[in-house]
Each structure stands twice: as C-alpha cells, then as structure tokens.
Amino acid sequence: MAVTLPESMLTQYVRFSLYNSPYRAHDEGRAIDCYPGTLRDGRTTAAPSPVSGTVLETRTVRAPSKPYAPAHDHLLLLACDGPGDLEGLVARILHVDPAVSAGDRVAIGEELGTLVRAGFFAPWVDNHLHVGFREPTQNLHRAAGSLPLEVGVDVSPLSWDGTGTVVATGETYAVLDAPRHPDPGAGFVGIGADGGGVLDGGVPHYDGGGLLAGPDGPVRLNGDRLGVASPRTVTWDDVVVTVDGEPVTGLSTFCARDAGFGAKLICPDRSVSIGEDVRVRVEPA
C-alpha cells in the first residue's frame, strides 16, 4: 500500500526528497526528508511536525560514527490523526531532539523540538526531518520497512543545460543560479530529465535515485545517460559528474519551492568560487 503525502504536509517545507540518501530506509522511496528553512539557510533548527496526532514514544538511537557529529540521534513515534489519509498510521521521525513526550498531543506544524546533525548526515546535507509511515501493527523501531510514499503535489520539471554561475558555497558543496524557480513559493520544482520527470537523489554518490512522474527506462540529462528507472527507482550507471571536465563527488537533486533553488554540486575535493561560471556533465566513469 502506497501512502500519499498531502499538500498540507509538504507545503510546510521548502524542499523534500524521497531518494537523496544513502540509507536503506529510503529504498524505493519509502521515506521522505523534509527541509525547513531555505536552501541557503541549511542549518535551521526549526522542526515543524509533518502530522497531527499523539506522541507514542521518544527514544535516543545510535547514529553512524562520524568525526564531525554526535554518535546519537532521536526517534519520535507519533500516532497520526491527520492530515488526510495519514490518519491511523504511525509516523517515524528522526533528526529531532524532542521537546515533546509520550502522551503529548501535537498539531501539524507545531514545533517538535530542535533539529540535530547526527552521524547520519554527510557534511553537505542540510538540516531536515526524516519521516516514514507504518501501520501500527508493524515493527515501529527497525530502520527499514516503512510504507512506500507518493507525493500529493505536482512537481514541475525544469530544463537545465548544465551551466550556471556559483552563488553559494560551503566546505563540501556549491550551489548554482540555474535552473531557477520561475515563481518561488508557488509550487515545487526539480531538475527535469530529458524524457520527462524530475530527478531525485544523489548522482552518483548514493547507490540509486528516483525519477518522479517520469517514464520507465533509460534516464538522461542533456543527452548524458544517468541510469535506468524501474518503475520510479533509478539505478545509476557507472558515471561520474564533472565540472568543467574535472570529476567531483556528485550532483544533488531534490524538489524545492524556494527562491534559492539551483543545482547543488557535491565537491569536497574541488574548489569553486562564488561568481565562477561552470558547466556540469554526467559522463561514463
């Protein structure tokens, strides 16, 4: 059974991704990462609840060991009474240090606590809530096993020729000014594949990705083949992302509705500067 995430849930956030993660919980789009704030304010600590309902449990869980992050995270379990068809399901929420306790009633959009950056985060990943849904009779604690998700909003594919000017940088990433959201705040957009659909995932630095509302079969960007979608999940080919001919770690793709949207390059080993004009390709490794 696929769970459709209603518009009233998704529009609380400026960005979301079903596939942009290396963890099994996201396999086949069975979890969603929801990003408050903006692309250029990726360290916000606000944690608005994606659902309404009653807190069943909060617990501290172990996170992967990373030298730059704490070794623990937090799991919140909420019995949903909305919005929409989420009623009756249990939401599993990670990456929030909870300010709520078992038995508390939570409204949609209410602050759950403070976002945390535990060892689940790569250094280029912005703060977000990880959300999955299960039937109450399922195992609520194991990492994998959430229900497959569909998004109840249209996501418009933006054409992009692979070029842009760097407008923001961090130690491990750079953001381009293209493609641009044509009407920020009005709806979600993403980088469009050649044959239709929106790319979602880390190309190729995560094992696979997704093609939302696109056809099955080969997936291409500007004529460069990325992999194969079947039916929505994409298995990347053996490819490398290049910036002006030099290989970088990858290209981060997602769905967004804010004015800061643009292609995000993952490039911890390649220095780029604000104002630099670049060309991005996806080429055979």
Foldseek 3Di string as FASTA:
>chain_A
DAAEQAPVLQLQAFWKFLAAAQDQQSVLSQKMWGAHDDPQPLAFWFDFASAWAFWAAKDKDAADDDPVFAGIKMWTWGQGCDDDPLHQKIKIKIQFPAPDGGGDTHHGGDTGHTGGDHNRDDPSHGTTIMIGIDHPPDPPPDSHDGHHYDYNFDEAADADQQKFFFADDDLFKTFGQPDFDPAFSPGKYKHAWPQGFHWGYWQVLHQWTFGHPGQFAWTHHNNATQATDDGTIGGGDQKFKDKQRHTANTWHITMGRHRRDGIMGGHNPDDDDGGDMIGMDIGHD
